[in-house]
Amino acid sequence: MEGRNRSPMEERFDHLEERIKIEENDVEAELIGHPHDYFYASRGHADAVSLRDLAKHDLDIYEAQLNLNLRKVLNERQEKYTEAMINSMVICDVERIKLYEAYLDTKHVADLWAGMKEGYIQKGYMLKIFVDNRKSDNITEGSYSSQRREALKNYPRHD
C-alpha cells in the first residue's frame, strides 16, 4: 500500500519472495544461501502464527467477557433470553467484529508465510534434484542429458 510504512516482516516476505526462484546460472550461491533463506521463511512463519494465535486469543477473551456481561445485564433487568439470542448479540457486537477482522488479517498473513515456508522446502528438493542431474550430466554426456537440458531450456517459467 502506498503512503504506509512497511513493517520489517513485510519487507522480509518480499525479499524471500524474490529469492524463491532458482537462479540456474548460480547454483552454488543458491546452495549456500538456501539454508539462510529457509531459516528466515520458517522464522517469519513462526512469527506470523504467533500473531495469529494472539489475535484469536484476544477475540476469544473479548467474546467470553461480552457473553458474561450480556447475561449479567439481562439477568439484572430480569429479561428472558436464549443461548441463540446471546450468541447473536455477541456476533453482532461492533468491537467483536473489529477483533474478528483483525484475526482474519493475521490468519491470512500466517497462511501466506506457510506458503512461503513450503516454497522454500520445495526449493530445497529442487536444488538437490538440480545438483544430482548436473552430476549425472557430467558423468554421462549423452543424448539423454542433452534432451533434458533442451527440455529445461524450453520449459515455461512463470516470473
N, C-alpha and C. Protein backbone atom coordinates (compact mmCIF):
# COMPACT_ATOMS: atom_id res chain seq x y z
N MET A 1 0.84 -1.18 0.00
CA MET A 1 0.00 0.00 0.00
C MET A 1 0.88 1.24 0.00
N GLU A 2 0.45 2.22 -0.80
CA GLU A 2 1.22 3.45 -0.87
C GLU A 2 0.94 4.32 0.34
N GLY A 3 1.93 5.10 0.72
CA GLY A 3 1.77 6.03 1.82
C GLY A 3 1.83 5.41 3.20
N ARG A 4 2.17 4.16 3.25
CA ARG A 4 2.22 3.46 4.54
C ARG A 4 3.60 2.87 4.69
N ASN A 5 4.14 2.98 5.90
CA ASN A 5 5.44 2.35 6.17
C ASN A 5 5.26 0.85 6.23
N ARG A 6 6.16 0.15 5.56
CA ARG A 6 6.09 -1.31 5.54
C ARG A 6 6.83 -1.85 6.76
N SER A 7 6.26 -2.88 7.33
CA SER A 7 6.87 -3.49 8.51
C SER A 7 8.09 -4.32 8.09
N PRO A 8 9.00 -4.57 9.03
CA PRO A 8 10.14 -5.44 8.71
C PRO A 8 9.67 -6.83 8.24
N MET A 9 8.56 -7.29 8.79
CA MET A 9 8.04 -8.60 8.41
C MET A 9 7.58 -8.60 6.94
N GLU A 10 6.94 -7.51 6.50
CA GLU A 10 6.52 -7.40 5.10
C GLU A 10 7.72 -7.30 4.17
N GLU A 11 8.73 -6.55 4.59
CA GLU A 11 9.94 -6.42 3.78
C GLU A 11 10.66 -7.76 3.67
N ARG A 12 10.71 -8.50 4.77
CA ARG A 12 11.35 -9.82 4.77
C ARG A 12 10.60 -10.76 3.83
N PHE A 13 9.27 -10.70 3.86
CA PHE A 13 8.45 -11.55 2.99
C PHE A 13 8.75 -11.24 1.53
N ASP A 14 8.76 -9.95 1.18
CA ASP A 14 9.02 -9.55 -0.20
C ASP A 14 10.41 -10.01 -0.66
N HIS A 15 11.40 -9.86 0.21
CA HIS A 15 12.76 -10.29 -0.13
C HIS A 15 12.80 -11.80 -0.38
N LEU A 16 12.17 -12.56 0.49
CA LEU A 16 12.15 -14.01 0.32
C LEU A 16 11.37 -14.42 -0.92
N GLU A 17 10.32 -13.68 -1.21
CA GLU A 17 9.52 -13.98 -2.40
C GLU A 17 10.35 -13.80 -3.66
N GLU A 18 11.19 -12.77 -3.68
CA GLU A 18 12.07 -12.55 -4.83
C GLU A 18 13.12 -13.66 -4.95
N ARG A 19 13.58 -14.19 -3.83
CA ARG A 19 14.67 -15.16 -3.82
C ARG A 19 14.22 -16.61 -4.01
N ILE A 20 12.93 -16.85 -4.05
CA ILE A 20 12.48 -18.24 -4.12
C ILE A 20 12.76 -18.88 -5.48
N LYS A 21 12.86 -18.06 -6.49
CA LYS A 21 13.16 -18.57 -7.83
C LYS A 21 14.62 -19.02 -7.88
N ILE A 22 14.86 -20.20 -8.43
CA ILE A 22 16.22 -20.74 -8.53
C ILE A 22 16.95 -20.06 -9.68
N GLU A 23 18.10 -19.50 -9.36
CA GLU A 23 18.96 -18.90 -10.39
C GLU A 23 19.85 -20.02 -10.93
N GLU A 24 19.50 -20.53 -12.09
CA GLU A 24 20.20 -21.67 -12.67
C GLU A 24 21.67 -21.38 -12.96
N ASN A 25 21.99 -20.13 -13.22
CA ASN A 25 23.37 -19.77 -13.57
C ASN A 25 24.27 -19.62 -12.35
N ASP A 26 23.69 -19.68 -11.16
CA ASP A 26 24.50 -19.51 -9.95
C ASP A 26 24.02 -20.48 -8.87
N VAL A 27 24.08 -21.75 -9.20
CA VAL A 27 23.58 -22.79 -8.30
C VAL A 27 24.39 -22.82 -7.00
N GLU A 28 25.68 -22.55 -7.08
CA GLU A 28 26.49 -22.56 -5.85
C GLU A 28 25.99 -21.52 -4.87
N ALA A 29 25.69 -20.32 -5.34
CA ALA A 29 25.16 -19.28 -4.46
C ALA A 29 23.79 -19.69 -3.92
N GLU A 30 22.99 -20.34 -4.75
CA GLU A 30 21.68 -20.83 -4.31
C GLU A 30 21.85 -21.84 -3.17
N LEU A 31 22.79 -22.76 -3.34
CA LEU A 31 23.02 -23.78 -2.33
C LEU A 31 23.52 -23.17 -1.02
N ILE A 32 24.36 -22.18 -1.13
CA ILE A 32 24.90 -21.52 0.07
C ILE A 32 23.83 -20.68 0.75
N GLY A 33 23.03 -19.97 -0.03
CA GLY A 33 22.03 -19.07 0.54
C GLY A 33 20.74 -19.73 0.98
N HIS A 34 20.45 -20.92 0.45
CA HIS A 34 19.17 -21.55 0.75
C HIS A 34 18.92 -21.80 2.24
N PRO A 35 19.87 -22.33 3.01
CA PRO A 35 19.59 -22.54 4.44
C PRO A 35 19.25 -21.24 5.16
N HIS A 36 19.92 -20.18 4.82
CA HIS A 36 19.65 -18.86 5.41
C HIS A 36 18.22 -18.42 5.06
N ASP A 37 17.88 -18.52 3.78
CA ASP A 37 16.54 -18.11 3.35
C ASP A 37 15.46 -18.98 3.99
N TYR A 38 15.72 -20.28 4.06
CA TYR A 38 14.74 -21.19 4.66
C TYR A 38 14.55 -20.86 6.15
N PHE A 39 15.64 -20.54 6.83
CA PHE A 39 15.54 -20.16 8.24
C PHE A 39 14.63 -18.94 8.39
N TYR A 40 14.84 -17.92 7.55
CA TYR A 40 14.03 -16.71 7.67
C TYR A 40 12.58 -16.94 7.23
N ALA A 41 12.35 -17.84 6.29
CA ALA A 41 10.98 -18.19 5.93
C ALA A 41 10.31 -18.90 7.11
N SER A 42 11.03 -19.80 7.76
CA SER A 42 10.49 -20.51 8.92
C SER A 42 10.25 -19.55 10.08
N ARG A 43 11.18 -18.65 10.28
CA ARG A 43 11.03 -17.67 11.36
C ARG A 43 9.84 -16.75 11.10
N GLY A 44 9.71 -16.30 9.86
CA GLY A 44 8.56 -15.46 9.50
C GLY A 44 7.25 -16.19 9.72
N HIS A 45 7.24 -17.47 9.36
CA HIS A 45 6.04 -18.28 9.57
C HIS A 45 5.72 -18.40 11.06
N ALA A 46 6.73 -18.67 11.86
CA ALA A 46 6.53 -18.79 13.31
C ALA A 46 6.03 -17.46 13.90
N ASP A 47 6.60 -16.36 13.46
CA ASP A 47 6.16 -15.05 13.95
C ASP A 47 4.71 -14.79 13.55
N ALA A 48 4.36 -15.09 12.31
CA ALA A 48 3.00 -14.85 11.82
C ALA A 48 1.99 -15.74 12.54
N VAL A 49 2.36 -16.99 12.81
CA VAL A 49 1.47 -17.89 13.55
C VAL A 49 1.27 -17.38 14.97
N SER A 50 2.33 -16.87 15.59
CA SER A 50 2.20 -16.32 16.94
C SER A 50 1.25 -15.12 16.95
N LEU A 51 1.38 -14.24 15.98
CA LEU A 51 0.49 -13.09 15.89
C LEU A 51 -0.96 -13.51 15.63
N ARG A 52 -1.13 -14.53 14.78
CA ARG A 52 -2.47 -15.06 14.53
C ARG A 52 -3.07 -15.64 15.81
N ASP A 53 -2.29 -16.42 16.53
CA ASP A 53 -2.78 -17.04 17.76
C ASP A 53 -3.11 -16.00 18.82
N LEU A 54 -2.32 -14.94 18.89
CA LEU A 54 -2.59 -13.87 19.83
C LEU A 54 -3.90 -13.16 19.47
N ALA A 55 -4.10 -12.89 18.18
CA ALA A 55 -5.35 -12.24 17.74
C ALA A 55 -6.55 -13.13 18.04
N LYS A 56 -6.40 -14.43 17.87
CA LYS A 56 -7.50 -15.36 18.18
C LYS A 56 -7.77 -15.37 19.67
N HIS A 57 -6.72 -15.35 20.47
CA HIS A 57 -6.88 -15.31 21.92
C HIS A 57 -7.60 -14.04 22.35
N ASP A 58 -7.21 -12.90 21.79
CA ASP A 58 -7.87 -11.63 22.11
C ASP A 58 -9.36 -11.70 21.75
N LEU A 59 -9.66 -12.28 20.60
CA LEU A 59 -11.05 -12.44 20.18
C LEU A 59 -11.81 -13.34 21.14
N ASP A 60 -11.23 -14.46 21.51
CA ASP A 60 -11.89 -15.40 22.43
C ASP A 60 -12.16 -14.75 23.79
N ILE A 61 -11.18 -14.03 24.31
CA ILE A 61 -11.34 -13.36 25.61
C ILE A 61 -12.46 -12.31 25.53
N TYR A 62 -12.44 -11.51 24.47
CA TYR A 62 -13.46 -10.48 24.33
C TYR A 62 -14.85 -11.12 24.25
N GLU A 63 -14.98 -12.18 23.44
CA GLU A 63 -16.28 -12.85 23.31
C GLU A 63 -16.76 -13.41 24.64
N ALA A 64 -15.87 -14.01 25.40
CA ALA A 64 -16.24 -14.58 26.69
C ALA A 64 -16.69 -13.49 27.66
N GLN A 65 -15.93 -12.38 27.71
CA GLN A 65 -16.30 -11.28 28.61
C GLN A 65 -17.63 -10.65 28.18
N LEU A 66 -17.81 -10.48 26.89
CA LEU A 66 -19.06 -9.90 26.38
C LEU A 66 -20.23 -10.82 26.70
N ASN A 67 -20.04 -12.10 26.52
CA ASN A 67 -21.09 -13.07 26.83
C ASN A 67 -21.51 -12.96 28.29
N LEU A 68 -20.53 -12.94 29.18
CA LEU A 68 -20.82 -12.83 30.62
C LEU A 68 -21.51 -11.50 30.95
N ASN A 69 -21.02 -10.40 30.36
CA ASN A 69 -21.61 -9.09 30.62
C ASN A 69 -23.06 -9.02 30.13
N LEU A 70 -23.32 -9.57 28.96
CA LEU A 70 -24.69 -9.57 28.44
C LEU A 70 -25.62 -10.34 29.35
N ARG A 71 -25.19 -11.51 29.79
CA ARG A 71 -26.00 -12.31 30.70
C ARG A 71 -26.28 -11.56 32.01
N LYS A 72 -25.23 -10.90 32.53
CA LYS A 72 -25.38 -10.17 33.78
C LYS A 72 -26.40 -9.04 33.63
N VAL A 73 -26.28 -8.26 32.55
CA VAL A 73 -27.20 -7.15 32.32
C VAL A 73 -28.63 -7.66 32.13
N LEU A 74 -28.78 -8.69 31.33
CA LEU A 74 -30.13 -9.24 31.09
C LEU A 74 -30.73 -9.84 32.36
N ASN A 75 -29.90 -10.48 33.17
CA ASN A 75 -30.38 -11.04 34.44
C ASN A 75 -30.79 -9.92 35.40
N GLU A 76 -29.98 -8.84 35.46
CA GLU A 76 -30.31 -7.71 36.32
C GLU A 76 -31.63 -7.06 35.91
N ARG A 77 -31.91 -7.04 34.61
CA ARG A 77 -33.16 -6.48 34.10
C ARG A 77 -34.31 -7.49 34.17
N GLN A 78 -33.95 -8.68 34.56
CA GLN A 78 -34.90 -9.81 34.64
C GLN A 78 -35.56 -10.07 33.28
N GLU A 79 -34.74 -9.93 32.24
CA GLU A 79 -35.21 -10.22 30.88
C GLU A 79 -34.86 -11.67 30.54
N LYS A 80 -35.78 -12.30 29.86
CA LYS A 80 -35.54 -13.68 29.43
C LYS A 80 -34.72 -13.65 28.14
N TYR A 81 -33.88 -14.64 28.02
CA TYR A 81 -33.05 -14.73 26.83
C TYR A 81 -32.77 -16.19 26.53
N THR A 82 -32.36 -16.43 25.28
CA THR A 82 -31.95 -17.78 24.87
C THR A 82 -30.47 -17.74 24.52
N GLU A 83 -29.89 -18.92 24.41
CA GLU A 83 -28.49 -19.01 24.01
C GLU A 83 -28.30 -18.40 22.62
N ALA A 84 -29.27 -18.64 21.74
CA ALA A 84 -29.18 -18.10 20.38
C ALA A 84 -29.18 -16.57 20.40
N MET A 85 -29.98 -15.97 21.30
CA MET A 85 -30.02 -14.51 21.41
C MET A 85 -28.67 -13.98 21.88
N ILE A 86 -28.11 -14.62 22.89
CA ILE A 86 -26.79 -14.19 23.41
C ILE A 86 -25.74 -14.32 22.31
N ASN A 87 -25.72 -15.46 21.63
CA ASN A 87 -24.74 -15.67 20.55
C ASN A 87 -24.89 -14.63 19.46
N SER A 88 -26.12 -14.29 19.10
CA SER A 88 -26.35 -13.27 18.07
C SER A 88 -25.85 -11.91 18.53
N MET A 89 -26.10 -11.57 19.78
CA MET A 89 -25.63 -10.28 20.29
C MET A 89 -24.10 -10.22 20.31
N VAL A 90 -23.48 -11.33 20.66
CA VAL A 90 -22.01 -11.38 20.67
C VAL A 90 -21.47 -11.22 19.25
N ILE A 91 -22.03 -11.96 18.33
CA ILE A 91 -21.54 -11.94 16.94
C ILE A 91 -21.71 -10.56 16.30
N CYS A 92 -22.78 -9.86 16.65
CA CYS A 92 -23.07 -8.55 16.04
C CYS A 92 -22.40 -7.38 16.75
N ASP A 93 -21.72 -7.61 17.84
CA ASP A 93 -21.06 -6.54 18.57
C ASP A 93 -19.98 -5.89 17.70
N VAL A 94 -19.98 -4.55 17.64
CA VAL A 94 -19.08 -3.81 16.76
C VAL A 94 -17.61 -4.08 17.10
N GLU A 95 -17.26 -4.05 18.37
CA GLU A 95 -15.87 -4.29 18.76
C GLU A 95 -15.46 -5.72 18.44
N ARG A 96 -16.35 -6.66 18.62
CA ARG A 96 -16.06 -8.06 18.30
C ARG A 96 -15.83 -8.22 16.81
N ILE A 97 -16.59 -7.50 16.00
CA ILE A 97 -16.42 -7.55 14.54
C ILE A 97 -15.02 -7.04 14.17
N LYS A 98 -14.58 -5.96 14.79
CA LYS A 98 -13.24 -5.43 14.54
C LYS A 98 -12.17 -6.44 14.93
N LEU A 99 -12.34 -7.06 16.08
CA LEU A 99 -11.36 -8.07 16.52
C LEU A 99 -11.35 -9.28 15.59
N TYR A 100 -12.52 -9.66 15.11
CA TYR A 100 -12.62 -10.80 14.19
C TYR A 100 -11.92 -10.45 12.86
N GLU A 101 -12.11 -9.24 12.37
CA GLU A 101 -11.43 -8.82 11.14
C GLU A 101 -9.93 -8.79 11.33
N ALA A 102 -9.47 -8.34 12.50
CA ALA A 102 -8.03 -8.35 12.80
C ALA A 102 -7.51 -9.78 12.83
N TYR A 103 -8.29 -10.67 13.41
CA TYR A 103 -7.90 -12.09 13.43
C TYR A 103 -7.80 -12.63 12.00
N LEU A 104 -8.78 -12.32 11.16
CA LEU A 104 -8.74 -12.81 9.77
C LEU A 104 -7.53 -12.27 9.02
N ASP A 105 -7.17 -11.01 9.28
CA ASP A 105 -5.98 -10.44 8.65
C ASP A 105 -4.72 -11.19 9.08
N THR A 106 -4.60 -11.46 10.38
CA THR A 106 -3.40 -12.18 10.85
C THR A 106 -3.40 -13.62 10.37
N LYS A 107 -4.57 -14.21 10.23
CA LYS A 107 -4.66 -15.58 9.70
C LYS A 107 -4.20 -15.61 8.25
N HIS A 108 -4.61 -14.61 7.48
CA HIS A 108 -4.20 -14.53 6.08
C HIS A 108 -2.67 -14.41 5.96
N VAL A 109 -2.09 -13.56 6.78
CA VAL A 109 -0.64 -13.39 6.76
C VAL A 109 0.06 -14.69 7.16
N ALA A 110 -0.45 -15.36 8.17
CA ALA A 110 0.14 -16.65 8.59
C ALA A 110 0.04 -17.68 7.47
N ASP A 111 -1.08 -17.69 6.76
CA ASP A 111 -1.23 -18.61 5.63
C ASP A 111 -0.24 -18.30 4.51
N LEU A 112 -0.02 -17.01 4.25
CA LEU A 112 0.97 -16.63 3.23
C LEU A 112 2.37 -17.09 3.63
N TRP A 113 2.71 -16.90 4.93
CA TRP A 113 4.03 -17.35 5.41
C TRP A 113 4.14 -18.87 5.36
N ALA A 114 3.05 -19.58 5.60
CA ALA A 114 3.08 -21.05 5.49
C ALA A 114 3.39 -21.44 4.05
N GLY A 115 2.79 -20.74 3.10
CA GLY A 115 3.09 -21.00 1.69
C GLY A 115 4.53 -20.69 1.34
N MET A 116 5.05 -19.60 1.91
CA MET A 116 6.44 -19.23 1.66
C MET A 116 7.38 -20.32 2.20
N LYS A 117 7.12 -20.76 3.42
CA LYS A 117 7.95 -21.80 4.02
C LYS A 117 7.89 -23.07 3.17
N GLU A 118 6.70 -23.45 2.73
CA GLU A 118 6.55 -24.64 1.88
C GLU A 118 7.30 -24.45 0.56
N GLY A 119 7.26 -23.24 0.03
CA GLY A 119 8.00 -22.96 -1.21
C GLY A 119 9.50 -23.18 -1.03
N TYR A 120 10.02 -22.79 0.13
CA TYR A 120 11.45 -23.00 0.37
C TYR A 120 11.77 -24.47 0.63
N ILE A 121 10.83 -25.20 1.19
CA ILE A 121 11.04 -26.65 1.31
C ILE A 121 11.14 -27.26 -0.09
N GLN A 122 10.22 -26.86 -0.97
CA GLN A 122 10.24 -27.37 -2.34
C GLN A 122 11.49 -26.94 -3.07
N LYS A 123 11.94 -25.70 -2.82
CA LYS A 123 13.16 -25.23 -3.46
C LYS A 123 14.35 -26.09 -3.04
N GLY A 124 14.40 -26.50 -1.78
CA GLY A 124 15.47 -27.38 -1.31
C GLY A 124 15.47 -28.70 -2.06
N TYR A 125 14.29 -29.27 -2.26
CA TYR A 125 14.20 -30.52 -3.02
C TYR A 125 14.66 -30.30 -4.47
N MET A 126 14.22 -29.19 -5.04
CA MET A 126 14.58 -28.91 -6.43
C MET A 126 16.08 -28.67 -6.58
N LEU A 127 16.68 -28.01 -5.62
CA LEU A 127 18.13 -27.81 -5.68
C LEU A 127 18.87 -29.14 -5.64
N LYS A 128 18.39 -30.05 -4.80
CA LYS A 128 19.01 -31.38 -4.72
C LYS A 128 18.89 -32.09 -6.07
N ILE A 129 17.71 -32.06 -6.65
CA ILE A 129 17.49 -32.71 -7.95
C ILE A 129 18.36 -32.03 -9.02
N PHE A 130 18.42 -30.72 -8.98
CA PHE A 130 19.21 -29.97 -9.94
C PHE A 130 20.68 -30.38 -9.86
N VAL A 131 21.22 -30.45 -8.65
CA VAL A 131 22.62 -30.83 -8.46
C VAL A 131 22.84 -32.29 -8.89
N ASP A 132 21.91 -33.18 -8.51
CA ASP A 132 22.04 -34.58 -8.92
C ASP A 132 22.04 -34.71 -10.44
N ASN A 133 21.17 -33.97 -11.11
CA ASN A 133 21.12 -34.02 -12.57
C ASN A 133 22.40 -33.48 -13.19
N ARG A 134 22.94 -32.43 -12.61
CA ARG A 134 24.20 -31.89 -13.13
C ARG A 134 25.34 -32.89 -12.96
N LYS A 135 25.35 -33.58 -11.80
CA LYS A 135 26.39 -34.60 -11.58
C LYS A 135 26.25 -35.70 -12.62
N SER A 136 25.04 -36.16 -12.87
CA SER A 136 24.86 -37.24 -13.84
C SER A 136 25.18 -36.75 -15.25
N ASP A 137 24.90 -35.47 -15.54
CA ASP A 137 25.26 -34.92 -16.86
C ASP A 137 26.78 -34.91 -17.03
N ASN A 138 27.50 -34.59 -15.97
CA ASN A 138 28.95 -34.56 -16.06
C ASN A 138 29.54 -35.95 -16.24
N ILE A 139 28.87 -36.95 -15.68
CA ILE A 139 29.37 -38.32 -15.77
C ILE A 139 29.06 -38.92 -17.13
N THR A 140 27.85 -38.74 -17.58
CA THR A 140 27.45 -39.34 -18.85
C THR A 140 26.92 -38.27 -19.79
N GLU A 141 27.79 -37.68 -20.54
CA GLU A 141 27.36 -36.73 -21.55
C GLU A 141 26.82 -37.53 -22.72
N GLY A 142 25.51 -37.52 -22.85
CA GLY A 142 24.89 -38.31 -23.91
C GLY A 142 23.62 -37.64 -24.36
N SER A 143 22.87 -38.38 -25.18
CA SER A 143 21.67 -37.79 -25.77
C SER A 143 20.61 -37.50 -24.71
N TYR A 144 20.53 -38.35 -23.69
CA TYR A 144 19.51 -38.12 -22.66
C TYR A 144 19.74 -36.81 -21.92
N SER A 145 20.99 -36.55 -21.54
CA SER A 145 21.27 -35.32 -20.80
C SER A 145 21.06 -34.09 -21.68
N SER A 146 21.39 -34.18 -22.95
CA SER A 146 21.15 -33.04 -23.83
C SER A 146 19.65 -32.83 -24.05
N GLN A 147 18.88 -33.91 -24.08
CA GLN A 147 17.42 -33.78 -24.18
C GLN A 147 16.86 -33.10 -22.93
N ARG A 148 17.40 -33.47 -21.77
CA ARG A 148 16.94 -32.87 -20.52
C ARG A 148 17.27 -31.38 -20.49
N ARG A 149 18.48 -31.03 -20.94
CA ARG A 149 18.85 -29.61 -21.00
C ARG A 149 17.91 -28.86 -21.93
N GLU A 150 17.61 -29.44 -23.07
CA GLU A 150 16.72 -28.80 -24.04
C GLU A 150 15.31 -28.64 -23.45
N ALA A 151 14.84 -29.66 -22.75
CA ALA A 151 13.52 -29.58 -22.12
C ALA A 151 13.49 -28.50 -21.05
N LEU A 152 14.54 -28.40 -20.24
CA LEU A 152 14.60 -27.36 -19.22
C LEU A 152 14.65 -25.97 -19.84
N LYS A 153 15.39 -25.86 -20.94
CA LYS A 153 15.50 -24.57 -21.61
C LYS A 153 14.15 -24.10 -22.16
N ASN A 154 13.36 -25.03 -22.64
CA ASN A 154 12.07 -24.68 -23.24
C ASN A 154 10.91 -24.72 -22.26
N TYR A 155 11.19 -25.08 -21.02
CA TYR A 155 10.11 -25.16 -20.02
C TYR A 155 9.63 -23.75 -19.67
N PRO A 156 8.33 -23.51 -19.77
CA PRO A 156 7.84 -22.15 -19.48
C PRO A 156 7.99 -21.82 -18.01
N ARG A 157 8.61 -20.69 -17.72
CA ARG A 157 8.80 -20.22 -16.33
C ARG A 157 7.83 -19.10 -16.08
N HIS A 158 7.30 -19.08 -14.89
CA HIS A 158 6.38 -18.01 -14.50
C HIS A 158 7.12 -17.06 -13.59
N ASP A 159 7.44 -15.91 -14.11
CA ASP A 159 8.18 -14.92 -13.33
C ASP A 159 7.25 -13.94 -12.69
